[in-house]
Amino acid sequence: MVFYGMVDNTWTDERLIGACLDGNEDAWSTIIDRYRALIYSVPFKQGLPPDGATDVFQDVCLSLLSEIHQIRQPNALAAWLIRTAWYKSIHWKRAQHKYLIEEIDDERMAGAAGQPEIPENILSEIEEEQLLRESISGLSPRCFELIQRLFYQNPAPHYSQVAQDLGITVGSVGSIRGRCLEKLRLRLEEKGFR
């Protein structure tokens, strides 16, 4: 799962889209920051290499920029981004393989509307990962930093390094971690995380 920095969760997607339509550049930056990891996760789930994922990310952002005024349900922005990234990933794969002898099985990839379907298990996984990212970014800065350091760095740093980086005692890392994880669990339960 891809994860980046803290994002302002105080604005709803509806408010952000409205502000983007009014020319607010900060709103645009917030949308991109909020959904960067979500957009990147889709091409990675399809097995695209990093340069392919970057191409898809850029294409999705350009599509959002040009089509944001057509989004009828702002509260479904994440779903729109997932679908758009999914289709753009498939197009990227096809473009990369157009000269290969193997043909892509269009019947397998196409749904009833002629668009590639997103497998339900992949869609569910992407949505859950986004819910987790949003929940983590909504924690206090201290909990956010602690979780980032303990669970998103490879290799995970030793508690003494985490304590030094955060300005806390080594003995308190475990108890703070427990409280932060409990807060995260409650946030996830509130959002219906399974």
N, C-alpha and C. Protein backbone atom coordinates (compact mmCIF):
# COMPACT_ATOMS: atom_id res chain seq x y z
N MET A 1 0.85 -1.17 0.00
CA MET A 1 0.00 0.00 0.00
C MET A 1 0.89 1.23 0.00
N VAL A 2 0.58 2.17 -0.86
CA VAL A 2 1.33 3.41 -0.95
C VAL A 2 0.75 4.39 0.04
N PHE A 3 1.62 5.13 0.75
CA PHE A 3 1.13 6.10 1.72
C PHE A 3 2.04 7.31 1.71
N TYR A 4 1.48 8.48 1.75
CA TYR A 4 2.26 9.71 1.78
C TYR A 4 1.87 10.54 2.99
N GLY A 5 2.17 11.82 2.98
CA GLY A 5 2.02 12.69 4.13
C GLY A 5 0.60 12.99 4.56
N MET A 6 0.51 13.74 5.66
CA MET A 6 -0.79 14.12 6.22
C MET A 6 -1.53 15.02 5.24
N VAL A 7 -2.83 14.86 5.22
CA VAL A 7 -3.68 15.62 4.31
C VAL A 7 -4.78 16.27 5.14
N ASP A 8 -5.19 17.46 4.73
CA ASP A 8 -6.27 18.18 5.40
C ASP A 8 -7.58 17.44 5.17
N ASN A 9 -8.12 16.84 6.22
CA ASN A 9 -9.36 16.08 6.11
C ASN A 9 -10.58 16.90 6.50
N THR A 10 -10.42 18.20 6.72
CA THR A 10 -11.55 19.00 7.18
C THR A 10 -12.50 19.36 6.05
N TRP A 11 -12.00 19.38 4.82
CA TRP A 11 -12.86 19.73 3.69
C TRP A 11 -13.42 18.46 3.06
N THR A 12 -14.71 18.47 2.78
CA THR A 12 -15.32 17.35 2.07
C THR A 12 -14.93 17.41 0.60
N ASP A 13 -15.10 16.31 -0.09
CA ASP A 13 -14.81 16.30 -1.52
C ASP A 13 -15.71 17.29 -2.27
N GLU A 14 -16.94 17.39 -1.83
CA GLU A 14 -17.86 18.33 -2.47
C GLU A 14 -17.34 19.77 -2.36
N ARG A 15 -16.89 20.13 -1.16
CA ARG A 15 -16.35 21.48 -0.95
C ARG A 15 -15.07 21.69 -1.76
N LEU A 16 -14.22 20.66 -1.81
CA LEU A 16 -12.97 20.77 -2.57
C LEU A 16 -13.25 20.94 -4.07
N ILE A 17 -14.18 20.17 -4.59
CA ILE A 17 -14.50 20.28 -6.01
C ILE A 17 -15.07 21.66 -6.32
N GLY A 18 -15.95 22.14 -5.46
CA GLY A 18 -16.49 23.49 -5.65
C GLY A 18 -15.40 24.54 -5.64
N ALA A 19 -14.46 24.41 -4.72
CA ALA A 19 -13.36 25.37 -4.64
C ALA A 19 -12.46 25.26 -5.87
N CYS A 20 -12.24 24.05 -6.36
CA CYS A 20 -11.45 23.88 -7.59
C CYS A 20 -12.13 24.57 -8.76
N LEU A 21 -13.44 24.41 -8.84
CA LEU A 21 -14.18 25.05 -9.93
C LEU A 21 -14.13 26.58 -9.83
N ASP A 22 -13.93 27.08 -8.61
CA ASP A 22 -13.78 28.52 -8.39
C ASP A 22 -12.34 28.99 -8.58
N GLY A 23 -11.44 28.06 -8.94
CA GLY A 23 -10.06 28.44 -9.22
C GLY A 23 -9.13 28.40 -8.02
N ASN A 24 -9.53 27.76 -6.93
CA ASN A 24 -8.71 27.68 -5.73
C ASN A 24 -7.62 26.62 -5.91
N GLU A 25 -6.38 27.06 -6.04
CA GLU A 25 -5.26 26.13 -6.26
C GLU A 25 -4.97 25.27 -5.04
N ASP A 26 -5.21 25.80 -3.84
CA ASP A 26 -4.99 25.01 -2.63
C ASP A 26 -5.95 23.82 -2.58
N ALA A 27 -7.17 24.02 -3.05
CA ALA A 27 -8.14 22.93 -3.08
C ALA A 27 -7.67 21.84 -4.04
N TRP A 28 -7.16 22.25 -5.18
CA TRP A 28 -6.63 21.28 -6.14
C TRP A 28 -5.48 20.49 -5.50
N SER A 29 -4.57 21.18 -4.84
CA SER A 29 -3.44 20.51 -4.18
C SER A 29 -3.93 19.53 -3.12
N THR A 30 -4.96 19.91 -2.39
CA THR A 30 -5.50 19.05 -1.35
C THR A 30 -6.11 17.78 -1.94
N ILE A 31 -6.84 17.93 -3.05
CA ILE A 31 -7.40 16.73 -3.71
C ILE A 31 -6.28 15.80 -4.15
N ILE A 32 -5.26 16.35 -4.78
CA ILE A 32 -4.15 15.52 -5.26
C ILE A 32 -3.44 14.86 -4.08
N ASP A 33 -3.18 15.62 -3.01
CA ASP A 33 -2.52 15.04 -1.83
C ASP A 33 -3.38 13.96 -1.19
N ARG A 34 -4.68 14.20 -1.11
CA ARG A 34 -5.59 13.25 -0.46
C ARG A 34 -5.67 11.94 -1.24
N TYR A 35 -5.66 12.03 -2.56
CA TYR A 35 -5.91 10.84 -3.38
C TYR A 35 -4.69 10.33 -4.15
N ARG A 36 -3.53 10.91 -3.93
CA ARG A 36 -2.31 10.46 -4.62
C ARG A 36 -2.08 8.96 -4.43
N ALA A 37 -2.08 8.51 -3.21
CA ALA A 37 -1.81 7.10 -2.93
C ALA A 37 -2.90 6.20 -3.51
N LEU A 38 -4.14 6.64 -3.47
CA LEU A 38 -5.23 5.87 -4.04
C LEU A 38 -5.01 5.69 -5.54
N ILE A 39 -4.70 6.78 -6.23
CA ILE A 39 -4.50 6.72 -7.67
C ILE A 39 -3.33 5.81 -8.01
N TYR A 40 -2.23 5.96 -7.30
CA TYR A 40 -1.05 5.12 -7.55
C TYR A 40 -1.33 3.65 -7.25
N SER A 41 -2.15 3.37 -6.26
CA SER A 41 -2.37 1.97 -5.87
C SER A 41 -3.04 1.16 -6.98
N VAL A 42 -3.84 1.80 -7.80
CA VAL A 42 -4.57 1.07 -8.84
C VAL A 42 -3.62 0.48 -9.89
N PRO A 43 -2.75 1.27 -10.52
CA PRO A 43 -1.85 0.66 -11.49
C PRO A 43 -0.89 -0.36 -10.86
N PHE A 44 -0.50 -0.14 -9.61
CA PHE A 44 0.36 -1.13 -8.96
C PHE A 44 -0.37 -2.45 -8.78
N LYS A 45 -1.68 -2.39 -8.47
CA LYS A 45 -2.47 -3.61 -8.33
C LYS A 45 -2.58 -4.35 -9.66
N GLN A 46 -2.47 -3.62 -10.76
CA GLN A 46 -2.51 -4.25 -12.08
C GLN A 46 -1.12 -4.69 -12.53
N GLY A 47 -0.13 -4.49 -11.70
CA GLY A 47 1.20 -4.96 -12.02
C GLY A 47 2.03 -4.03 -12.88
N LEU A 48 1.62 -2.77 -13.00
CA LEU A 48 2.39 -1.82 -13.79
C LEU A 48 3.69 -1.47 -13.06
N PRO A 49 4.74 -1.22 -13.83
CA PRO A 49 5.99 -0.78 -13.21
C PRO A 49 5.86 0.66 -12.71
N PRO A 50 6.81 1.14 -11.91
CA PRO A 50 6.71 2.51 -11.39
C PRO A 50 6.53 3.58 -12.47
N ASP A 51 7.21 3.45 -13.60
CA ASP A 51 7.04 4.47 -14.64
C ASP A 51 5.64 4.42 -15.24
N GLY A 52 5.05 3.23 -15.33
CA GLY A 52 3.68 3.10 -15.80
C GLY A 52 2.70 3.70 -14.81
N ALA A 53 2.93 3.45 -13.52
CA ALA A 53 2.06 4.02 -12.49
C ALA A 53 2.14 5.54 -12.51
N THR A 54 3.33 6.07 -12.75
CA THR A 54 3.48 7.54 -12.83
C THR A 54 2.73 8.09 -14.04
N ASP A 55 2.83 7.40 -15.17
CA ASP A 55 2.08 7.82 -16.36
C ASP A 55 0.58 7.83 -16.09
N VAL A 56 0.10 6.76 -15.45
CA VAL A 56 -1.33 6.66 -15.14
C VAL A 56 -1.72 7.77 -14.17
N PHE A 57 -0.92 8.01 -13.14
CA PHE A 57 -1.21 9.07 -12.18
C PHE A 57 -1.37 10.41 -12.90
N GLN A 58 -0.44 10.72 -13.78
CA GLN A 58 -0.51 11.98 -14.53
C GLN A 58 -1.74 12.03 -15.42
N ASP A 59 -2.06 10.92 -16.08
CA ASP A 59 -3.24 10.89 -16.94
C ASP A 59 -4.52 11.09 -16.13
N VAL A 60 -4.59 10.46 -14.96
CA VAL A 60 -5.78 10.60 -14.11
C VAL A 60 -5.92 12.05 -13.64
N CYS A 61 -4.80 12.66 -13.24
CA CYS A 61 -4.85 14.06 -12.80
C CYS A 61 -5.28 14.99 -13.94
N LEU A 62 -4.79 14.74 -15.13
CA LEU A 62 -5.21 15.54 -16.28
C LEU A 62 -6.69 15.34 -16.58
N SER A 63 -7.16 14.09 -16.48
CA SER A 63 -8.58 13.83 -16.69
C SER A 63 -9.43 14.54 -15.65
N LEU A 64 -8.97 14.49 -14.40
CA LEU A 64 -9.70 15.17 -13.33
C LEU A 64 -9.76 16.67 -13.61
N LEU A 65 -8.64 17.22 -14.00
CA LEU A 65 -8.59 18.65 -14.29
C LEU A 65 -9.56 19.03 -15.41
N SER A 66 -9.60 18.22 -16.45
CA SER A 66 -10.45 18.56 -17.59
C SER A 66 -11.91 18.16 -17.39
N GLU A 67 -12.18 17.22 -16.49
CA GLU A 67 -13.55 16.72 -16.33
C GLU A 67 -14.17 17.03 -14.97
N ILE A 68 -13.48 17.78 -14.13
CA ILE A 68 -13.98 18.01 -12.78
C ILE A 68 -15.36 18.68 -12.79
N HIS A 69 -15.62 19.49 -13.78
CA HIS A 69 -16.93 20.16 -13.86
C HIS A 69 -18.05 19.18 -14.22
N GLN A 70 -17.71 17.98 -14.67
CA GLN A 70 -18.71 16.99 -15.05
C GLN A 70 -19.01 15.98 -13.94
N ILE A 71 -18.29 16.07 -12.84
CA ILE A 71 -18.51 15.13 -11.75
C ILE A 71 -19.82 15.50 -11.06
N ARG A 72 -20.81 14.61 -11.21
CA ARG A 72 -22.16 14.89 -10.71
C ARG A 72 -22.32 14.54 -9.23
N GLN A 73 -21.53 13.60 -8.76
CA GLN A 73 -21.62 13.19 -7.35
C GLN A 73 -20.26 13.38 -6.69
N PRO A 74 -20.00 14.57 -6.16
CA PRO A 74 -18.69 14.82 -5.54
C PRO A 74 -18.32 13.84 -4.44
N ASN A 75 -19.32 13.31 -3.74
CA ASN A 75 -19.02 12.36 -2.67
C ASN A 75 -18.55 11.01 -3.22
N ALA A 76 -18.61 10.83 -4.54
CA ALA A 76 -18.14 9.61 -5.18
C ALA A 76 -16.83 9.86 -5.94
N LEU A 77 -16.10 10.90 -5.54
CA LEU A 77 -14.85 11.24 -6.21
C LEU A 77 -13.87 10.08 -6.15
N ALA A 78 -13.73 9.44 -5.01
CA ALA A 78 -12.79 8.33 -4.88
C ALA A 78 -13.13 7.21 -5.87
N ALA A 79 -14.41 6.89 -5.99
CA ALA A 79 -14.83 5.85 -6.94
C ALA A 79 -14.51 6.27 -8.38
N TRP A 80 -14.73 7.54 -8.70
CA TRP A 80 -14.42 8.05 -10.03
C TRP A 80 -12.93 7.91 -10.31
N LEU A 81 -12.11 8.26 -9.33
CA LEU A 81 -10.66 8.16 -9.49
C LEU A 81 -10.22 6.71 -9.65
N ILE A 82 -10.81 5.80 -8.90
CA ILE A 82 -10.47 4.38 -9.02
C ILE A 82 -10.80 3.88 -10.42
N ARG A 83 -12.02 4.15 -10.89
CA ARG A 83 -12.41 3.70 -12.23
C ARG A 83 -11.52 4.29 -13.30
N THR A 84 -11.26 5.59 -13.19
CA THR A 84 -10.43 6.26 -14.18
C THR A 84 -9.02 5.68 -14.18
N ALA A 85 -8.44 5.47 -13.01
CA ALA A 85 -7.10 4.89 -12.92
C ALA A 85 -7.10 3.46 -13.45
N TRP A 86 -8.16 2.72 -13.20
CA TRP A 86 -8.25 1.34 -13.68
C TRP A 86 -8.22 1.32 -15.22
N TYR A 87 -9.08 2.13 -15.83
CA TYR A 87 -9.15 2.17 -17.29
C TYR A 87 -7.85 2.68 -17.90
N LYS A 88 -7.28 3.70 -17.30
CA LYS A 88 -6.02 4.25 -17.83
C LYS A 88 -4.88 3.24 -17.68
N SER A 89 -4.92 2.43 -16.63
CA SER A 89 -3.91 1.39 -16.45
C SER A 89 -4.02 0.33 -17.55
N ILE A 90 -5.24 -0.04 -17.85
CA ILE A 90 -5.45 -1.03 -18.92
C ILE A 90 -5.00 -0.45 -20.26
N HIS A 91 -5.32 0.81 -20.50
CA HIS A 91 -4.88 1.44 -21.76
C HIS A 91 -3.35 1.51 -21.83
N TRP A 92 -2.72 1.79 -20.69
CA TRP A 92 -1.26 1.85 -20.67
C TRP A 92 -0.68 0.48 -21.00
N LYS A 93 -1.26 -0.57 -20.38
CA LYS A 93 -0.78 -1.93 -20.64
C LYS A 93 -0.96 -2.30 -22.11
N ARG A 94 -2.10 -1.96 -22.66
CA ARG A 94 -2.35 -2.27 -24.07
C ARG A 94 -1.36 -1.53 -24.97
N ALA A 95 -1.11 -0.28 -24.64
CA ALA A 95 -0.16 0.51 -25.46
C ALA A 95 1.24 -0.09 -25.39
N GLN A 96 1.61 -0.60 -24.24
CA GLN A 96 2.94 -1.20 -24.09
C GLN A 96 3.05 -2.54 -24.79
N HIS A 97 1.93 -3.21 -24.96
CA HIS A 97 1.95 -4.56 -25.53
C HIS A 97 1.37 -4.63 -26.94
N LYS A 98 1.14 -3.51 -27.57
CA LYS A 98 0.47 -3.54 -28.88
C LYS A 98 1.28 -4.24 -29.95
N TYR A 99 2.58 -4.36 -29.77
CA TYR A 99 3.41 -5.01 -30.78
C TYR A 99 3.73 -6.47 -30.45
N LEU A 100 3.23 -6.93 -29.32
CA LEU A 100 3.46 -8.33 -28.96
C LEU A 100 2.52 -9.24 -29.73
N ILE A 101 2.94 -10.46 -29.92
CA ILE A 101 2.11 -11.43 -30.65
C ILE A 101 0.89 -11.81 -29.84
N GLU A 102 1.05 -11.89 -28.51
CA GLU A 102 -0.08 -12.26 -27.67
C GLU A 102 -1.18 -11.22 -27.76
N GLU A 103 -2.42 -11.67 -27.86
CA GLU A 103 -3.55 -10.76 -27.87
C GLU A 103 -4.16 -10.71 -26.48
N ILE A 104 -4.64 -9.55 -26.12
CA ILE A 104 -5.32 -9.42 -24.83
C ILE A 104 -6.73 -9.97 -25.00
N ASP A 105 -7.14 -10.76 -24.06
CA ASP A 105 -8.46 -11.37 -24.11
C ASP A 105 -9.51 -10.31 -23.75
N ASP A 106 -10.05 -9.64 -24.78
CA ASP A 106 -10.99 -8.54 -24.55
C ASP A 106 -12.27 -9.01 -23.88
N GLU A 107 -12.70 -10.23 -24.16
CA GLU A 107 -13.93 -10.71 -23.51
C GLU A 107 -13.74 -10.81 -22.00
N ARG A 108 -12.55 -11.24 -21.60
CA ARG A 108 -12.26 -11.37 -20.18
C ARG A 108 -12.18 -10.00 -19.52
N MET A 109 -11.64 -9.02 -20.26
CA MET A 109 -11.40 -7.70 -19.68
C MET A 109 -12.61 -6.77 -19.81
N ALA A 110 -13.54 -7.09 -20.68
CA ALA A 110 -14.64 -6.16 -20.93
C ALA A 110 -15.89 -6.55 -20.16
N GLY A 111 -16.55 -5.55 -19.64
CA GLY A 111 -17.81 -5.78 -18.96
C GLY A 111 -18.96 -5.59 -19.93
N ALA A 112 -20.16 -5.55 -19.40
CA ALA A 112 -21.35 -5.44 -20.23
C ALA A 112 -21.35 -4.15 -21.04
N ALA A 113 -20.79 -3.08 -20.51
CA ALA A 113 -20.79 -1.80 -21.20
C ALA A 113 -19.58 -1.65 -22.12
N GLY A 114 -18.80 -2.72 -22.26
CA GLY A 114 -17.64 -2.65 -23.12
C GLY A 114 -16.42 -2.06 -22.44
N GLN A 115 -16.53 -1.70 -21.18
CA GLN A 115 -15.40 -1.18 -20.41
C GLN A 115 -14.86 -2.29 -19.53
N PRO A 116 -13.58 -2.30 -19.29
CA PRO A 116 -13.00 -3.32 -18.42
C PRO A 116 -13.59 -3.22 -17.02
N GLU A 117 -13.98 -4.35 -16.49
CA GLU A 117 -14.53 -4.37 -15.14
C GLU A 117 -13.40 -4.39 -14.12
N ILE A 118 -13.65 -3.77 -13.00
CA ILE A 118 -12.72 -3.87 -11.88
C ILE A 118 -13.20 -5.05 -11.05
N PRO A 119 -12.36 -6.07 -10.89
CA PRO A 119 -12.78 -7.21 -10.06
C PRO A 119 -13.20 -6.73 -8.67
N GLU A 120 -14.28 -7.28 -8.18
CA GLU A 120 -14.85 -6.84 -6.91
C GLU A 120 -13.84 -6.92 -5.76
N ASN A 121 -13.03 -7.98 -5.73
CA ASN A 121 -12.07 -8.12 -4.64
C ASN A 121 -10.99 -7.03 -4.71
N ILE A 122 -10.60 -6.64 -5.92
CA ILE A 122 -9.60 -5.57 -6.09
C ILE A 122 -10.23 -4.23 -5.70
N LEU A 123 -11.44 -3.98 -6.14
CA LEU A 123 -12.13 -2.74 -5.81
C LEU A 123 -12.28 -2.61 -4.30
N SER A 124 -12.69 -3.68 -3.65
CA SER A 124 -12.85 -3.66 -2.20
C SER A 124 -11.52 -3.40 -1.50
N GLU A 125 -10.46 -4.02 -1.99
CA GLU A 125 -9.14 -3.82 -1.41
C GLU A 125 -8.67 -2.38 -1.56
N ILE A 126 -8.86 -1.80 -2.73
CA ILE A 126 -8.46 -0.41 -2.98
C ILE A 126 -9.24 0.53 -2.07
N GLU A 127 -10.54 0.31 -1.94
CA GLU A 127 -11.37 1.17 -1.10
C GLU A 127 -10.97 1.05 0.37
N GLU A 128 -10.67 -0.16 0.83
CA GLU A 128 -10.25 -0.35 2.22
C GLU A 128 -8.90 0.32 2.49
N GLU A 129 -8.00 0.22 1.54
CA GLU A 129 -6.70 0.87 1.71
C GLU A 129 -6.86 2.38 1.80
N GLN A 130 -7.74 2.95 0.97
CA GLN A 130 -7.97 4.39 1.02
C GLN A 130 -8.60 4.79 2.35
N LEU A 131 -9.51 3.99 2.84
CA LEU A 131 -10.13 4.26 4.13
C LEU A 131 -9.08 4.24 5.24
N LEU A 132 -8.15 3.30 5.16
CA LEU A 132 -7.06 3.24 6.14
C LEU A 132 -6.17 4.47 6.03
N ARG A 133 -5.80 4.86 4.81
CA ARG A 133 -4.97 6.06 4.63
C ARG A 133 -5.66 7.30 5.19
N GLU A 134 -6.95 7.45 4.90
CA GLU A 134 -7.70 8.61 5.40
C GLU A 134 -7.77 8.60 6.92
N SER A 135 -7.97 7.43 7.50
CA SER A 135 -8.06 7.33 8.96
C SER A 135 -6.73 7.65 9.61
N ILE A 136 -5.64 7.17 9.05
CA ILE A 136 -4.32 7.46 9.61
C ILE A 136 -4.01 8.94 9.48
N SER A 137 -4.31 9.53 8.33
CA SER A 137 -4.00 10.95 8.15
C SER A 137 -4.87 11.84 9.02
N GLY A 138 -5.99 11.32 9.53
CA GLY A 138 -6.86 12.09 10.40
C GLY A 138 -6.48 12.01 11.88
N LEU A 139 -5.45 11.23 12.19
CA LEU A 139 -4.99 11.14 13.58
C LEU A 139 -4.19 12.39 13.94
N SER A 140 -3.89 12.54 15.20
CA SER A 140 -3.06 13.66 15.64
C SER A 140 -1.69 13.56 14.95
N PRO A 141 -1.01 14.69 14.80
CA PRO A 141 0.32 14.64 14.16
C PRO A 141 1.27 13.66 14.85
N ARG A 142 1.21 13.57 16.17
CA ARG A 142 2.09 12.66 16.91
C ARG A 142 1.78 11.21 16.55
N CYS A 143 0.51 10.84 16.54
CA CYS A 143 0.13 9.47 16.19
C CYS A 143 0.45 9.19 14.72
N PHE A 144 0.18 10.15 13.87
CA PHE A 144 0.48 9.99 12.45
C PHE A 144 1.97 9.68 12.26
N GLU A 145 2.83 10.49 12.87
CA GLU A 145 4.27 10.30 12.72
C GLU A 145 4.71 8.95 13.29
N LEU A 146 4.17 8.60 14.44
CA LEU A 146 4.56 7.34 15.07
C LEU A 146 4.17 6.15 14.19
N ILE A 147 2.96 6.15 13.70
CA ILE A 147 2.51 5.06 12.83
C ILE A 147 3.33 5.02 11.55
N GLN A 148 3.61 6.18 10.97
CA GLN A 148 4.44 6.22 9.77
C GLN A 148 5.80 5.58 10.02
N ARG A 149 6.41 5.93 11.12
CA ARG A 149 7.76 5.43 11.42
C ARG A 149 7.75 3.94 11.75
N LEU A 150 6.75 3.49 12.49
CA LEU A 150 6.74 2.09 12.92
C LEU A 150 6.24 1.12 11.86
N PHE A 151 5.31 1.57 11.01
CA PHE A 151 4.67 0.63 10.10
C PHE A 151 4.90 0.89 8.61
N TYR A 152 5.44 2.03 8.26
CA TYR A 152 5.60 2.34 6.83
C TYR A 152 7.05 2.54 6.42
N GLN A 153 7.98 2.28 7.30
CA GLN A 153 9.39 2.35 6.94
C GLN A 153 9.94 0.93 6.87
N ASN A 154 10.75 0.69 5.86
CA ASN A 154 11.33 -0.63 5.70
C ASN A 154 12.84 -0.49 5.56
N PRO A 155 13.58 -1.02 6.47
CA PRO A 155 13.16 -1.76 7.65
C PRO A 155 12.62 -0.81 8.72
N ALA A 156 11.80 -1.38 9.58
CA ALA A 156 11.23 -0.58 10.68
C ALA A 156 12.36 -0.13 11.60
N PRO A 157 12.35 1.13 12.00
CA PRO A 157 13.41 1.61 12.89
C PRO A 157 13.25 1.04 14.29
N HIS A 158 14.33 1.01 15.01
CA HIS A 158 14.31 0.56 16.41
C HIS A 158 13.58 1.61 17.25
N TYR A 159 12.96 1.17 18.33
CA TYR A 159 12.23 2.09 19.21
C TYR A 159 13.11 3.26 19.66
N SER A 160 14.40 3.02 19.89
CA SER A 160 15.27 4.12 20.34
C SER A 160 15.37 5.21 19.29
N GLN A 161 15.39 4.83 18.01
CA GLN A 161 15.45 5.82 16.94
C GLN A 161 14.12 6.58 16.83
N VAL A 162 13.02 5.84 16.96
CA VAL A 162 11.70 6.47 16.91
C VAL A 162 11.57 7.46 18.07
N ALA A 163 11.99 7.06 19.25
CA ALA A 163 11.91 7.93 20.43
C ALA A 163 12.73 9.19 20.22
N GLN A 164 13.93 9.03 19.70
CA GLN A 164 14.79 10.19 19.45
C GLN A 164 14.17 11.11 18.40
N ASP A 165 13.66 10.55 17.33
CA ASP A 165 13.06 11.35 16.25
C ASP A 165 11.83 12.13 16.73
N LEU A 166 11.05 11.52 17.63
CA LEU A 166 9.81 12.15 18.09
C LEU A 166 9.98 12.92 19.40
N GLY A 167 11.16 12.85 20.01
CA GLY A 167 11.41 13.57 21.24
C GLY A 167 10.67 13.00 22.43
N ILE A 168 10.57 11.68 22.49
CA ILE A 168 9.91 11.01 23.61
C ILE A 168 10.88 9.97 24.19
N THR A 169 10.53 9.39 25.33
CA THR A 169 11.40 8.38 25.92
C THR A 169 11.14 7.03 25.26
N VAL A 170 12.17 6.20 25.25
CA VAL A 170 12.06 4.88 24.63
C VAL A 170 10.94 4.07 25.30
N GLY A 171 10.83 4.18 26.61
CA GLY A 171 9.81 3.43 27.34
C GLY A 171 8.39 3.83 27.01
N SER A 172 8.20 5.02 26.48
CA SER A 172 6.83 5.48 26.17
C SER A 172 6.38 5.13 24.76
N VAL A 173 7.29 4.67 23.90
CA VAL A 173 6.93 4.38 22.51
C VAL A 173 5.83 3.33 22.44
N GLY A 174 5.97 2.25 23.19
CA GLY A 174 4.99 1.18 23.15
C GLY A 174 3.61 1.61 23.64
N SER A 175 3.56 2.35 24.72
CA SER A 175 2.25 2.78 25.24
C SER A 175 1.61 3.81 24.33
N ILE A 176 2.40 4.72 23.78
CA ILE A 176 1.84 5.70 22.84
C ILE A 176 1.35 4.98 21.58
N ARG A 177 2.13 4.00 21.12
CA ARG A 177 1.73 3.22 19.95
C ARG A 177 0.38 2.54 20.21
N GLY A 178 0.22 1.96 21.39
CA GLY A 178 -1.04 1.30 21.74
C GLY A 178 -2.22 2.26 21.71
N ARG A 179 -2.03 3.46 22.29
CA ARG A 179 -3.11 4.45 22.30
C ARG A 179 -3.43 4.92 20.87
N CYS A 180 -2.39 5.11 20.07
CA CYS A 180 -2.59 5.56 18.68
C CYS A 180 -3.32 4.49 17.87
N LEU A 181 -2.94 3.25 18.05
CA LEU A 181 -3.61 2.16 17.32
C LEU A 181 -5.06 2.01 17.76
N GLU A 182 -5.32 2.26 19.05
CA GLU A 182 -6.70 2.21 19.52
C GLU A 182 -7.52 3.33 18.90
N LYS A 183 -6.95 4.53 18.83
CA LYS A 183 -7.64 5.64 18.16
C LYS A 183 -7.90 5.32 16.70
N LEU A 184 -6.92 4.70 16.06
CA LEU A 184 -7.08 4.32 14.66
C LEU A 184 -8.18 3.27 14.51
N ARG A 185 -8.19 2.29 15.40
CA ARG A 185 -9.24 1.26 15.35
C ARG A 185 -10.63 1.87 15.48
N LEU A 186 -10.78 2.81 16.40
CA LEU A 186 -12.08 3.47 16.58
C LEU A 186 -12.48 4.27 15.35
N ARG A 187 -11.52 4.98 14.76
CA ARG A 187 -11.81 5.75 13.53
C ARG A 187 -12.25 4.82 12.41
N LEU A 188 -11.57 3.69 12.29
CA LEU A 188 -11.91 2.73 11.24
C LEU A 188 -13.29 2.13 11.48
N GLU A 189 -13.60 1.81 12.73
CA GLU A 189 -14.93 1.29 13.04
C GLU A 189 -16.02 2.29 12.69
N GLU A 190 -15.78 3.58 13.01
CA GLU A 190 -16.74 4.63 12.68
C GLU A 190 -16.99 4.70 11.18
N LYS A 191 -15.97 4.42 10.40
CA LYS A 191 -16.09 4.51 8.94
C LYS A 191 -16.55 3.19 8.32
N GLY A 192 -16.80 2.19 9.16
CA GLY A 192 -17.32 0.93 8.65
C GLY A 192 -16.28 -0.03 8.10
N PHE A 193 -15.04 0.14 8.53
CA PHE A 193 -13.97 -0.75 8.07
C PHE A 193 -14.22 -2.15 8.60
N ARG A 194 -14.03 -3.12 7.74
CA ARG A 194 -14.29 -4.52 8.13
C ARG A 194 -13.09 -5.11 8.80
